Amino acid sequence: MTFLRLASSAVFFAMSPAPENFLPKENYDKLVSWLKSKDATVNDKIEIVPSPFGGYGAIVTDDVEEDELLFTVPRSACLTLKDAIVDPACGEAFAKLIEKAGPGGNTVAMAGYMAKEYLIQKTSPETPNDLSFGPYLATLPWERGVNSQEHVLFWSGEDVEKYLEGTMCCDEATALRSEVDLAIKVINSIVAPSIRAARGEEAESAGFSWPWEVKQASSGLVDGIDGAVKGAFVSLLTRSFEDGDEDNGEKLVPLLDLLQHSKEPNVSHIMRKADGTVEVRAKRKLDAGDELLNQYREEEEETMPKHRFFSRFGFVPGASAKEIPNMLEDSCSIFYPQKAEV
């Protein structure tokens, strides 16, 4: 059995309107403080603010020279597959999952670790700074509409059928949703005991098992796991980067994953081979007030046509969110196969 392997960053648009719910700016101030406590460096000219592209972004408050260092994120502050595998409570079960499921299990393990930490964090308002990635998790959009976040994983089955039926992205979106539904059951069997223990509920023994191997008595999903796993997958789909230090792995890089997409990015980033630190620099001279923009993928890649940007990254390059409904209703060539002219 295989799971879909995911990559990089963005925002979706759903047909039924989502409530706008912006996370407090304070969460991002705490994120920067946490990063600095992990030996990250953040240029004093950078400020995190609401972005005109949706959600939050980062701007420079003063002029920046070409190649000026904007920020660095050490490997210890990046959320990687290793964090899931070494987790004291569930790491052994995650490792067994990867062994059985293959490379696709890497993403499921990371999603499971993130969902567990998030739900434990929600148990008590005092926990964010006690968890390894608490301040970072507190900046992610775990629900539909948070920071303008939309994604096909947040859609109802009725919306998928109604709005994507017949489009070129329907099969991929449907397959992804099915994979995540299965992953929720697998993850629940691993992380439920830890979550129940944090909540003071009766816990069962932890361990990996396929959904059909779970005993009937423990087959119920722990409260909140469905939404937490979907939220984790959305973050991995829309924010993750390839991890050069892990086989078939990916990683989440706080602050870098906050930057909005552009086909003409004004930042560049590399991973230092010596210590795995991610280094982000200005690609050109920036003026005060400019928003920092990254490029998730080349928009002209044959393997990433625009309808796949929509189903995987959550947006159509060059189109605003408000244009998406009309594009679908008008059978736009981005979404619908066109008959060849005779």
C-alpha atoms as a PDB file:
ATOM      1  CA  MET A   1       0.000   0.000   0.000  1.00  0.00           C
ATOM      2  CA  THR A   2       1.295   3.466  -0.869  1.00  0.00           C
ATOM      3  CA  PHE A   3       0.401   6.947   0.257  1.00  0.00           C
ATOM      4  CA  LEU A   4       0.653  10.099  -1.838  1.00  0.00           C
ATOM      5  CA  ARG A   5       3.939  11.948  -1.445  1.00  0.00           C
ATOM      6  CA  LEU A   6       3.563  15.664  -0.978  1.00  0.00           C
ATOM      7  CA  ALA A   7       5.523  18.888  -1.416  1.00  0.00           C
ATOM      8  CA  SER A   8       5.667  22.771  -1.088  1.00  0.00           C
ATOM      9  CA  SER A   9       3.307  25.843  -0.291  1.00  0.00           C
ATOM     10  CA  ALA A  10      -0.046  27.858  -0.695  1.00  0.00           C
ATOM     11  CA  VAL A  11      -3.761  28.804  -0.381  1.00  0.00           C
ATOM     12  CA  PHE A  12      -7.001  27.304  -1.915  1.00  0.00           C
ATOM     13  CA  PHE A  13     -10.453  28.650  -2.798  1.00  0.00           C
ATOM     14  CA  ALA A  14     -13.642  26.741  -2.039  1.00  0.00           C
ATOM     15  CA  MET A  15     -17.029  27.420  -3.572  1.00  0.00           C
ATOM     16  CA  SER A  16     -18.914  27.709  -0.288  1.00  0.00           C
ATOM     17  CA  PRO A  17     -17.483  30.763   1.503  1.00  0.00           C
ATOM     18  CA  ALA A  18     -15.229  30.100   4.475  1.00  0.00           C
ATOM     19  CA  PRO A  19     -15.331  32.277   7.571  1.00  0.00           C
ATOM     20  CA  GLU A  20     -12.316  34.571   7.828  1.00  0.00           C
ATOM     21  CA  ASN A  21     -10.387  33.909  10.982  1.00  0.00           C
ATOM     22  CA  PHE A  22      -6.946  35.455  11.237  1.00  0.00           C
ATOM     23  CA  LEU A  23      -4.596  34.142  13.887  1.00  0.00           C
ATOM     24  CA  PRO A  24      -3.365  36.790  16.344  1.00  0.00           C
ATOM     25  CA  LYS A  25      -0.261  38.718  15.282  1.00  0.00           C
ATOM     26  CA  GLU A  26       1.093  37.791  18.708  1.00  0.00           C
ATOM     27  CA  ASN A  27       1.476  34.187  17.522  1.00  0.00           C
ATOM     28  CA  TYR A  28       3.988  35.292  14.895  1.00  0.00           C
ATOM     29  CA  ASP A  29       5.906  37.494  17.320  1.00  0.00           C
ATOM     30  CA  LYS A  30       6.233  34.430  19.549  1.00  0.00           C
ATOM     31  CA  LEU A  31       7.350  32.386  16.537  1.00  0.00           C
ATOM     32  CA  VAL A  32      10.215  34.805  15.830  1.00  0.00           C
ATOM     33  CA  SER A  33      11.241  34.778  19.501  1.00  0.00           C
ATOM     34  CA  TRP A  34      11.166  30.967  19.500  1.00  0.00           C
ATOM     35  CA  LEU A  35      13.261  30.820  16.325  1.00  0.00           C
ATOM     36  CA  LYS A  36      15.860  33.115  17.866  1.00  0.00           C
ATOM     37  CA  SER A  37      15.955  30.880  20.961  1.00  0.00           C
ATOM     38  CA  LYS A  38      16.847  28.036  18.559  1.00  0.00           C
ATOM     39  CA  ASP A  39      19.794  30.080  17.207  1.00  0.00           C
ATOM     40  CA  ALA A  40      17.976  31.357  14.130  1.00  0.00           C
ATOM     41  CA  THR A  41      18.876  34.818  12.875  1.00  0.00           C
ATOM     42  CA  VAL A  42      16.161  37.214  11.683  1.00  0.00           C
ATOM     43  CA  ASN A  43      17.026  40.539  10.062  1.00  0.00           C
ATOM     44  CA  ASP A  44      15.603  43.455  12.079  1.00  0.00           C
ATOM     45  CA  LYS A  45      14.151  44.856   8.841  1.00  0.00           C
ATOM     46  CA  ILE A  46      11.659  41.956   8.544  1.00  0.00           C
ATOM     47  CA  GLU A  47       8.107  42.240   9.849  1.00  0.00           C
ATOM     48  CA  ILE A  48       5.294  39.675   9.626  1.00  0.00           C
ATOM     49  CA  VAL A  49       2.045  41.302   8.489  1.00  0.00           C
ATOM     50  CA  PRO A  50      -1.242  40.370   6.755  1.00  0.00           C
ATOM     51  CA  SER A  51      -0.550  39.812   3.063  1.00  0.00           C
ATOM     52  CA  PRO A  52      -2.654  41.063   0.121  1.00  0.00           C
ATOM     53  CA  PHE A  53      -2.271  37.515  -1.277  1.00  0.00           C
ATOM     54  CA  GLY A  54      -4.143  36.141   1.747  1.00  0.00           C
ATOM     55  CA  GLY A  55      -3.100  35.135   5.248  1.00  0.00           C
ATOM     56  CA  TYR A  56       0.182  36.467   6.575  1.00  0.00           C
ATOM     57  CA  GLY A  57       3.408  37.309   4.786  1.00  0.00           C
ATOM     58  CA  ALA A  58       6.666  39.098   5.502  1.00  0.00           C
ATOM     59  CA  ILE A  59       7.748  42.562   4.401  1.00  0.00           C
ATOM     60  CA  VAL A  60      10.930  44.582   4.802  1.00  0.00           C
ATOM     61  CA  THR A  61      10.552  47.806   6.766  1.00  0.00           C
ATOM     62  CA  ASP A  62      13.712  49.372   5.324  1.00  0.00           C
ATOM     63  CA  ASP A  63      15.724  49.108   2.088  1.00  0.00           C
ATOM     64  CA  VAL A  64      17.584  45.833   1.638  1.00  0.00           C
ATOM     65  CA  GLU A  65      20.625  45.317  -0.565  1.00  0.00           C
ATOM     66  CA  GLU A  66      20.944  42.498  -3.080  1.00  0.00           C
ATOM     67  CA  ASP A  67      22.253  39.305  -1.403  1.00  0.00           C
ATOM     68  CA  GLU A  68      21.650  40.736   2.073  1.00  0.00           C
ATOM     69  CA  LEU A  69      20.952  38.010   4.629  1.00  0.00           C
ATOM     70  CA  LEU A  70      17.278  38.017   5.583  1.00  0.00           C
ATOM     71  CA  PHE A  71      17.105  35.100   7.995  1.00  0.00           C
ATOM     72  CA  THR A  72      18.506  31.681   8.795  1.00  0.00           C
ATOM     73  CA  VAL A  73      16.653  28.683  10.218  1.00  0.00           C
ATOM     74  CA  PRO A  74      18.784  25.972  11.860  1.00  0.00           C
ATOM     75  CA  ARG A  75      17.890  22.352  11.276  1.00  0.00           C
ATOM     76  CA  SER A  76      16.794  22.007  14.897  1.00  0.00           C
ATOM     77  CA  ALA A  77      13.986  24.482  14.187  1.00  0.00           C
ATOM     78  CA  CYS A  78      12.823  22.645  11.042  1.00  0.00           C
ATOM     79  CA  LEU A  79      10.155  19.991  11.471  1.00  0.00           C
ATOM     80  CA  THR A  80      11.492  16.849   9.810  1.00  0.00           C
ATOM     81  CA  LEU A  81      10.764  13.152   9.535  1.00  0.00           C
ATOM     82  CA  LYS A  82      13.327  12.512  12.255  1.00  0.00           C
ATOM     83  CA  ASP A  83      11.190  14.437  14.754  1.00  0.00           C
ATOM     84  CA  ALA A  84       8.365  11.958  14.193  1.00  0.00           C
ATOM     85  CA  ILE A  85      10.611   8.896  14.417  1.00  0.00           C
ATOM     86  CA  VAL A  86      12.369   9.933  17.638  1.00  0.00           C
ATOM     87  CA  ASP A  87       9.149  10.973  19.368  1.00  0.00           C
ATOM     88  CA  PRO A  88       9.226   9.169  22.743  1.00  0.00           C
ATOM     89  CA  ALA A  89       5.556   8.240  22.688  1.00  0.00           C
ATOM     90  CA  CYS A  90       4.931   7.268  19.061  1.00  0.00           C
ATOM     91  CA  GLY A  91       8.275   7.188  17.250  1.00  0.00           C
ATOM     92  CA  GLU A  92       8.608   3.408  17.228  1.00  0.00           C
ATOM     93  CA  ALA A  93       5.118   3.007  15.755  1.00  0.00           C
ATOM     94  CA  PHE A  94       5.807   5.701  13.135  1.00  0.00           C
ATOM     95  CA  ALA A  95       9.010   3.865  12.136  1.00  0.00           C
ATOM     96  CA  LYS A  96       7.055   0.626  11.740  1.00  0.00           C
ATOM     97  CA  LEU A  97       4.470   2.459   9.636  1.00  0.00           C
ATOM     98  CA  ILE A  98       7.196   3.714   7.288  1.00  0.00           C
ATOM     99  CA  GLU A  99       8.692   0.228   7.066  1.00  0.00           C
ATOM    100  CA  LYS A 100       5.336  -1.254   6.062  1.00  0.00           C
ATOM    101  CA  ALA A 101       3.967   1.556   3.885  1.00  0.00           C
ATOM    102  CA  GLY A 102       7.138   2.625   2.050  1.00  0.00           C
ATOM    103  CA  PRO A 103       8.209   6.202   1.214  1.00  0.00           C
ATOM    104  CA  GLY A 104       4.620   7.479   1.239  1.00  0.00           C
ATOM    105  CA  GLY A 105       4.526   6.577   4.912  1.00  0.00           C
ATOM    106  CA  ASN A 106       7.007   9.368   5.601  1.00  0.00           C
ATOM    107  CA  THR A 107       4.343  12.011   5.028  1.00  0.00           C
ATOM    108  CA  VAL A 108       1.761  10.088   7.055  1.00  0.00           C
ATOM    109  CA  ALA A 109       4.216   9.804   9.966  1.00  0.00           C
ATOM    110  CA  MET A 110       4.935  13.542   9.881  1.00  0.00           C
ATOM    111  CA  ALA A 111       1.229  14.351   9.683  1.00  0.00           C
ATOM    112  CA  GLY A 112       0.575  12.029  12.613  1.00  0.00           C
ATOM    113  CA  TYR A 113       3.281  13.625  14.726  1.00  0.00           C
ATOM    114  CA  MET A 114       2.009  17.118  13.919  1.00  0.00           C
ATOM    115  CA  ALA A 115      -1.625  16.193  14.644  1.00  0.00           C
ATOM    116  CA  LYS A 116      -0.685  14.627  17.989  1.00  0.00           C
ATOM    117  CA  GLU A 117       1.361  17.630  19.097  1.00  0.00           C
ATOM    118  CA  TYR A 118      -1.347  20.039  17.983  1.00  0.00           C
ATOM    119  CA  LEU A 119      -4.125  18.230  19.865  1.00  0.00           C
ATOM    120  CA  ILE A 120      -1.977  17.943  22.994  1.00  0.00           C
ATOM    121  CA  GLN A 121      -1.206  21.652  22.677  1.00  0.00           C
ATOM    122  CA  LYS A 122      -4.937  22.415  22.538  1.00  0.00           C
ATOM    123  CA  THR A 123      -5.462  20.457  25.769  1.00  0.00           C
ATOM    124  CA  SER A 124      -3.863  23.207  27.844  1.00  0.00           C
ATOM    125  CA  PRO A 125      -3.065  26.840  26.993  1.00  0.00           C
ATOM    126  CA  GLU A 126       0.202  26.468  28.920  1.00  0.00           C
ATOM    127  CA  THR A 127       1.618  23.766  26.633  1.00  0.00           C
ATOM    128  CA  PRO A 128       2.729  25.621  23.426  1.00  0.00           C
ATOM    129  CA  ASN A 129       6.152  26.603  24.704  1.00  0.00           C
ATOM    130  CA  ASP A 130       6.634  23.212  26.380  1.00  0.00           C
ATOM    131  CA  LEU A 131       6.186  21.238  23.150  1.00  0.00           C
ATOM    132  CA  SER A 132       9.124  20.992  20.758  1.00  0.00           C
ATOM    133  CA  PHE A 133       7.353  22.905  17.982  1.00  0.00           C
ATOM    134  CA  GLY A 134       4.549  24.521  19.984  1.00  0.00           C
ATOM    135  CA  PRO A 135       5.101  28.148  18.880  1.00  0.00           C
ATOM    136  CA  TYR A 136       5.397  27.057  15.247  1.00  0.00           C
ATOM    137  CA  LEU A 137       2.277  24.874  15.328  1.00  0.00           C
ATOM    138  CA  ALA A 138       0.382  27.844  16.771  1.00  0.00           C
ATOM    139  CA  THR A 139       0.946  29.754  13.489  1.00  0.00           C
ATOM    140  CA  LEU A 140      -0.409  27.063  11.144  1.00  0.00           C
ATOM    141  CA  PRO A 141      -3.956  27.145   9.727  1.00  0.00           C
ATOM    142  CA  TRP A 142      -5.517  23.992  11.175  1.00  0.00           C
ATOM    143  CA  GLU A 143      -9.053  24.735  10.040  1.00  0.00           C
ATOM    144  CA  ARG A 144     -10.787  26.020   6.957  1.00  0.00           C
ATOM    145  CA  GLY A 145     -10.774  29.804   6.746  1.00  0.00           C
ATOM    146  CA  VAL A 146      -7.947  30.374   9.227  1.00  0.00           C
ATOM    147  CA  ASN A 147      -5.640  32.968   7.652  1.00  0.00           C
ATOM    148  CA  SER A 148      -7.774  32.652   4.481  1.00  0.00           C
ATOM    149  CA  GLN A 149      -6.619  29.040   4.111  1.00  0.00           C
ATOM    150  CA  GLU A 150      -8.666  26.861   1.797  1.00  0.00           C
ATOM    151  CA  HIS A 151      -7.924  23.397   0.491  1.00  0.00           C
ATOM    152  CA  VAL A 152      -9.718  20.515  -1.168  1.00  0.00           C
ATOM    153  CA  LEU A 153      -9.122  18.471   2.003  1.00  0.00           C
ATOM    154  CA  PHE A 154     -11.392  20.932   3.828  1.00  0.00           C
ATOM    155  CA  TRP A 155     -14.157  20.628   1.218  1.00  0.00           C
ATOM    156  CA  SER A 156     -17.247  18.513   1.707  1.00  0.00           C
ATOM    157  CA  GLY A 157     -17.711  15.527  -0.580  1.00  0.00           C
ATOM    158  CA  GLU A 158     -20.700  17.328  -2.094  1.00  0.00           C
ATOM    159  CA  ASP A 159     -18.556  20.344  -3.041  1.00  0.00           C
ATOM    160  CA  VAL A 160     -15.922  18.140  -4.668  1.00  0.00           C
ATOM    161  CA  GLU A 161     -18.540  16.325  -6.722  1.00  0.00           C
ATOM    162  CA  LYS A 162     -20.401  19.501  -7.627  1.00  0.00           C
ATOM    163  CA  TYR A 163     -17.484  21.741  -8.577  1.00  0.00           C
ATOM    164  CA  LEU A 164     -14.662  19.435  -9.653  1.00  0.00           C
ATOM    165  CA  GLU A 165     -16.552  16.699 -11.519  1.00  0.00           C
ATOM    166  CA  GLY A 166     -15.215  16.604 -15.079  1.00  0.00           C
ATOM    167  CA  THR A 167     -12.171  18.785 -14.379  1.00  0.00           C
ATOM    168  CA  MET A 168      -8.599  17.634 -14.919  1.00  0.00           C
ATOM    169  CA  CYS A 169      -7.895  17.972 -11.190  1.00  0.00           C
ATOM    170  CA  CYS A 170     -10.868  15.891 -10.012  1.00  0.00           C
ATOM    171  CA  ASP A 171      -9.095  12.501  -9.994  1.00  0.00           C
ATOM    172  CA  GLU A 172      -6.080  13.825  -8.085  1.00  0.00           C
ATOM    173  CA  ALA A 173      -8.223  15.671  -5.568  1.00  0.00           C
ATOM    174  CA  THR A 174     -10.445  12.635  -5.003  1.00  0.00           C
ATOM    175  CA  ALA A 175      -7.463  10.292  -4.631  1.00  0.00           C
ATOM    176  CA  LEU A 176      -5.813  12.637  -2.144  1.00  0.00           C
ATOM    177  CA  ARG A 177      -8.964  12.817  -0.035  1.00  0.00           C
ATOM    178  CA  SER A 178      -9.244   9.007  -0.009  1.00  0.00           C
ATOM    179  CA  GLU A 179      -5.606   8.615   1.007  1.00  0.00           C
ATOM    180  CA  VAL A 180      -6.014  11.076   3.855  1.00  0.00           C
ATOM    181  CA  ASP A 181      -9.203   9.357   5.060  1.00  0.00           C
ATOM    182  CA  LEU A 182      -7.227   6.113   5.358  1.00  0.00           C
ATOM    183  CA  ALA A 183      -4.297   7.920   6.978  1.00  0.00           C
ATOM    184  CA  ILE A 184      -6.619   9.335   9.665  1.00  0.00           C
ATOM    185  CA  LYS A 185      -7.512   5.804  10.801  1.00  0.00           C
ATOM    186  CA  VAL A 186      -3.890   4.643  10.779  1.00  0.00           C
ATOM    187  CA  ILE A 187      -2.679   7.726  12.649  1.00  0.00           C
ATOM    188  CA  ASN A 188      -5.484   7.434  15.187  1.00  0.00           C
ATOM    189  CA  SER A 189      -4.332   3.930  16.101  1.00  0.00           C
ATOM    190  CA  ILE A 190      -0.868   5.326  16.860  1.00  0.00           C
ATOM    191  CA  VAL A 191      -1.476   8.660  18.569  1.00  0.00           C
ATOM    192  CA  ALA A 192      -4.822   8.224  20.340  1.00  0.00           C
ATOM    193  CA  PRO A 193      -3.300   6.866  23.587  1.00  0.00           C
ATOM    194  CA  SER A 194      -0.969   9.871  23.932  1.00  0.00           C
ATOM    195  CA  ILE A 195      -3.782  12.330  23.274  1.00  0.00           C
ATOM    196  CA  ARG A 196      -6.127  10.601  25.699  1.00  0.00           C
ATOM    197  CA  ALA A 197      -3.403  10.538  28.347  1.00  0.00           C
ATOM    198  CA  ALA A 198      -2.802  14.283  27.920  1.00  0.00           C
ATOM    199  CA  ARG A 199      -6.525  14.848  28.368  1.00  0.00           C
ATOM    200  CA  GLY A 200      -6.658  12.687  31.448  1.00  0.00           C
ATOM    201  CA  GLU A 201      -8.731  10.064  29.677  1.00  0.00           C
ATOM    202  CA  GLU A 202      -8.208   6.316  29.929  1.00  0.00           C
ATOM    203  CA  ALA A 203      -5.407   5.375  27.526  1.00  0.00           C
ATOM    204  CA  GLU A 204      -4.886   2.142  25.627  1.00  0.00           C
ATOM    205  CA  SER A 205      -1.514   0.727  24.677  1.00  0.00           C
ATOM    206  CA  ALA A 206       0.136   2.571  21.766  1.00  0.00           C
ATOM    207  CA  GLY A 207       1.315   0.824  18.634  1.00  0.00           C
ATOM    208  CA  PHE A 208       0.941   0.694  14.884  1.00  0.00           C
ATOM    209  CA  SER A 209      -1.840  -1.253  13.230  1.00  0.00           C
ATOM    210  CA  TRP A 210      -3.745  -0.990   9.979  1.00  0.00           C
ATOM    211  CA  PRO A 211      -7.365   0.152  10.316  1.00  0.00           C
ATOM    212  CA  TRP A 212      -8.682  -3.378   9.723  1.00  0.00           C
ATOM    213  CA  GLU A 213      -6.396  -4.723  12.446  1.00  0.00           C
ATOM    214  CA  VAL A 214      -7.704  -2.373  15.148  1.00  0.00           C
ATOM    215  CA  LYS A 215      -9.905  -4.077  17.734  1.00  0.00           C
ATOM    216  CA  GLN A 216     -13.532  -3.004  17.700  1.00  0.00           C
ATOM    217  CA  ALA A 217     -13.288  -1.656  21.241  1.00  0.00           C
ATOM    218  CA  SER A 218     -10.692   0.922  20.227  1.00  0.00           C
ATOM    219  CA  SER A 219     -11.888   1.648  16.693  1.00  0.00           C
ATOM    220  CA  GLY A 220     -13.445   5.028  17.531  1.00  0.00           C
ATOM    221  CA  LEU A 221     -11.522   8.115  16.509  1.00  0.00           C
ATOM    222  CA  VAL A 222     -10.164  10.277  19.299  1.00  0.00           C
ATOM    223  CA  ASP A 223     -11.967  13.611  19.405  1.00  0.00           C
ATOM    224  CA  GLY A 224     -10.478  16.119  16.963  1.00  0.00           C
ATOM    225  CA  ILE A 225      -8.154  13.726  15.116  1.00  0.00           C
ATOM    226  CA  ASP A 226     -10.004  13.984  11.802  1.00  0.00           C
ATOM    227  CA  GLY A 227      -9.579  17.746  11.545  1.00  0.00           C
ATOM    228  CA  ALA A 228      -6.050  17.728  12.991  1.00  0.00           C
ATOM    229  CA  VAL A 229      -4.768  15.183  10.465  1.00  0.00           C
ATOM    230  CA  LYS A 230      -6.391  17.033   7.566  1.00  0.00           C
ATOM    231  CA  GLY A 231      -4.856  20.282   8.829  1.00  0.00           C
ATOM    232  CA  ALA A 232      -1.441  18.631   9.070  1.00  0.00           C
ATOM    233  CA  PHE A 233      -1.702  17.280   5.521  1.00  0.00           C
ATOM    234  CA  VAL A 234      -2.734  20.721   4.260  1.00  0.00           C
ATOM    235  CA  SER A 235       0.360  22.264   5.846  1.00  0.00           C
ATOM    236  CA  LEU A 236       2.580  19.552   4.370  1.00  0.00           C
ATOM    237  CA  LEU A 237       0.984  19.947   0.941  1.00  0.00           C
ATOM    238  CA  THR A 238       1.194  23.715   0.938  1.00  0.00           C
ATOM    239  CA  ARG A 239       4.366  24.420   2.914  1.00  0.00           C
ATOM    240  CA  SER A 240       6.898  21.586   2.853  1.00  0.00           C
ATOM    241  CA  PHE A 241      10.285  21.577   1.149  1.00  0.00           C
ATOM    242  CA  GLU A 242      12.408  18.646   0.027  1.00  0.00           C
ATOM    243  CA  ASP A 243      14.813  17.649   2.761  1.00  0.00           C
ATOM    244  CA  GLY A 244      18.295  17.071   1.419  1.00  0.00           C
ATOM    245  CA  ASP A 245      19.253  15.211   4.606  1.00  0.00           C
ATOM    246  CA  GLU A 246      16.508  12.579   4.477  1.00  0.00           C
ATOM    247  CA  ASP A 247      15.806   9.861   1.905  1.00  0.00           C
ATOM    248  CA  ASN A 248      12.512  10.747   0.208  1.00  0.00           C
ATOM    249  CA  GLY A 249      11.906  13.175   3.053  1.00  0.00           C
ATOM    250  CA  GLU A 250      10.413  16.601   3.393  1.00  0.00           C
ATOM    251  CA  LYS A 251      10.601  19.304   6.007  1.00  0.00           C
ATOM    252  CA  LEU A 252       8.747  22.336   7.225  1.00  0.00           C
ATOM    253  CA  VAL A 253      10.874  25.461   7.542  1.00  0.00           C
ATOM    254  CA  PRO A 254       9.290  28.066   9.841  1.00  0.00           C
ATOM    255  CA  LEU A 255       9.221  31.608   8.463  1.00  0.00           C
ATOM    256  CA  LEU A 256      10.350  30.506   4.985  1.00  0.00           C
ATOM    257  CA  ASP A 257       7.067  28.618   4.567  1.00  0.00           C
ATOM    258  CA  LEU A 258       5.204  31.827   5.403  1.00  0.00           C
ATOM    259  CA  LEU A 259       6.364  33.619   2.239  1.00  0.00           C
ATOM    260  CA  GLN A 260       3.888  33.976  -0.617  1.00  0.00           C
ATOM    261  CA  HIS A 261       4.440  32.577  -4.133  1.00  0.00           C
ATOM    262  CA  SER A 262       5.576  34.517  -7.178  1.00  0.00           C
ATOM    263  CA  LYS A 263       6.940  33.444 -10.554  1.00  0.00           C
ATOM    264  CA  GLU A 264       9.407  36.308 -10.059  1.00  0.00           C
ATOM    265  CA  PRO A 265      10.677  35.698  -6.510  1.00  0.00           C
ATOM    266  CA  ASN A 266      12.754  38.297  -4.726  1.00  0.00           C
ATOM    267  CA  VAL A 267      14.398  35.854  -2.289  1.00  0.00           C
ATOM    268  CA  SER A 268      16.651  32.844  -2.710  1.00  0.00           C
ATOM    269  CA  HIS A 269      17.319  30.067  -0.220  1.00  0.00           C
ATOM    270  CA  ILE A 270      19.859  27.315   0.193  1.00  0.00           C
ATOM    271  CA  MET A 271      20.551  24.627   2.763  1.00  0.00           C
ATOM    272  CA  ARG A 272      24.063  24.671   4.148  1.00  0.00           C
ATOM    273  CA  LYS A 273      25.498  21.183   3.733  1.00  0.00           C
ATOM    274  CA  ALA A 274      27.686  21.563   6.798  1.00  0.00           C
ATOM    275  CA  ASP A 275      24.880  21.848   9.357  1.00  0.00           C
ATOM    276  CA  GLY A 276      21.559  21.792   7.490  1.00  0.00           C
ATOM    277  CA  THR A 277      20.778  25.440   8.248  1.00  0.00           C
ATOM    278  CA  VAL A 278      18.441  27.098   5.730  1.00  0.00           C
ATOM    279  CA  GLU A 279      19.756  30.492   4.628  1.00  0.00           C
ATOM    280  CA  VAL A 280      17.489  33.058   2.953  1.00  0.00           C
ATOM    281  CA  ARG A 281      18.868  36.106   1.112  1.00  0.00           C
ATOM    282  CA  ALA A 282      17.508  38.957  -0.993  1.00  0.00           C
ATOM    283  CA  LYS A 283      17.671  38.021  -4.666  1.00  0.00           C
ATOM    284  CA  ARG A 284      17.681  41.688  -5.649  1.00  0.00           C
ATOM    285  CA  LYS A 285      17.555  45.112  -4.029  1.00  0.00           C
ATOM    286  CA  LEU A 286      14.349  45.546  -2.034  1.00  0.00           C
ATOM    287  CA  ASP A 287      12.617  48.780  -1.112  1.00  0.00           C
ATOM    288  CA  ALA A 288      10.989  49.432   2.248  1.00  0.00           C
ATOM    289  CA  GLY A 289       7.492  47.922   2.217  1.00  0.00           C
ATOM    290  CA  ASP A 290       8.277  45.208  -0.346  1.00  0.00           C
ATOM    291  CA  GLU A 291       6.827  41.798   0.477  1.00  0.00           C
ATOM    292  CA  LEU A 292       9.222  38.848   0.472  1.00  0.00           C
ATOM    293  CA  LEU A 293       8.190  36.410  -2.266  1.00  0.00           C
ATOM    294  CA  ASN A 294       9.326  32.849  -2.877  1.00  0.00           C
ATOM    295  CA  GLN A 295       8.711  30.535  -5.836  1.00  0.00           C
ATOM    296  CA  TYR A 296       7.104  27.231  -4.913  1.00  0.00           C
ATOM    297  CA  ARG A 297       7.469  25.616  -8.336  1.00  0.00           C
ATOM    298  CA  GLU A 298       8.146  26.739 -11.894  1.00  0.00           C
ATOM    299  CA  GLU A 299       4.778  27.616 -13.417  1.00  0.00           C
ATOM    300  CA  GLU A 300       5.827  26.315 -16.816  1.00  0.00           C
ATOM    301  CA  GLU A 301       6.817  22.809 -15.632  1.00  0.00           C
ATOM    302  CA  GLU A 302       5.173  20.096 -17.731  1.00  0.00           C
ATOM    303  CA  THR A 303       4.617  18.031 -14.584  1.00  0.00           C
ATOM    304  CA  MET A 304       2.920  20.938 -12.796  1.00  0.00           C
ATOM    305  CA  PRO A 305       0.253  22.417 -15.106  1.00  0.00           C
ATOM    306  CA  LYS A 306      -1.957  25.077 -13.588  1.00  0.00           C
ATOM    307  CA  HIS A 307      -4.780  22.715 -12.691  1.00  0.00           C
ATOM    308  CA  ARG A 308      -2.275  20.770 -10.575  1.00  0.00           C
ATOM    309  CA  PHE A 309      -1.218  23.987  -8.859  1.00  0.00           C
ATOM    310  CA  PHE A 310      -4.871  24.252  -7.883  1.00  0.00           C
ATOM    311  CA  SER A 311      -5.276  20.705  -6.577  1.00  0.00           C
ATOM    312  CA  ARG A 312      -1.862  20.446  -4.906  1.00  0.00           C
ATOM    313  CA  PHE A 313      -0.847  23.978  -3.888  1.00  0.00           C
ATOM    314  CA  GLY A 314      -4.298  25.534  -3.677  1.00  0.00           C
ATOM    315  CA  PHE A 315      -4.222  28.352  -6.196  1.00  0.00           C
ATOM    316  CA  VAL A 316      -3.943  29.119  -9.898  1.00  0.00           C
ATOM    317  CA  PRO A 317      -0.868  31.211 -10.767  1.00  0.00           C
ATOM    318  CA  GLY A 318      -1.872  34.569 -12.192  1.00  0.00           C
ATOM    319  CA  ALA A 319      -5.499  34.318 -11.039  1.00  0.00           C
ATOM    320  CA  SER A 320      -7.076  35.743  -7.923  1.00  0.00           C
ATOM    321  CA  ALA A 321      -9.172  33.579  -5.611  1.00  0.00           C
ATOM    322  CA  LYS A 322     -12.300  35.467  -6.705  1.00  0.00           C
ATOM    323  CA  GLU A 323     -11.713  34.428 -10.333  1.00  0.00           C
ATOM    324  CA  ILE A 324     -11.641  30.691  -9.600  1.00  0.00           C
ATOM    325  CA  PRO A 325     -15.441  30.135  -9.430  1.00  0.00           C
ATOM    326  CA  ASN A 326     -15.961  31.811 -12.815  1.00  0.00           C
ATOM    327  CA  MET A 327     -13.110  29.807 -14.331  1.00  0.00           C
ATOM    328  CA  LEU A 328     -14.768  26.575 -13.193  1.00  0.00           C
ATOM    329  CA  GLU A 329     -18.252  27.663 -14.264  1.00  0.00           C
ATOM    330  CA  ASP A 330     -16.983  28.791 -17.688  1.00  0.00           C
ATOM    331  CA  SER A 331     -15.177  25.470 -18.307  1.00  0.00           C
ATOM    332  CA  CYS A 332     -11.850  27.291 -18.481  1.00  0.00           C
ATOM    333  CA  SER A 333      -9.129  25.399 -20.351  1.00  0.00           C
ATOM    334  CA  ILE A 334      -7.002  25.430 -17.172  1.00  0.00           C
ATOM    335  CA  PHE A 335      -9.466  23.000 -15.587  1.00  0.00           C
ATOM    336  CA  TYR A 336     -11.253  21.280 -18.445  1.00  0.00           C
ATOM    337  CA  PRO A 337      -9.772  19.244 -21.324  1.00  0.00           C
ATOM    338  CA  GLN A 338     -10.327  20.964 -24.648  1.00  0.00           C
ATOM    339  CA  LYS A 339     -11.319  19.273 -27.889  1.00  0.00           C
ATOM    340  CA  ALA A 340      -8.724  19.568 -30.618  1.00  0.00           C
ATOM    341  CA  GLU A 341      -9.693  21.825 -33.505  1.00  0.00           C
ATOM    342  CA  VAL A 342     -10.268  20.047 -36.812  1.00  0.00           C
END
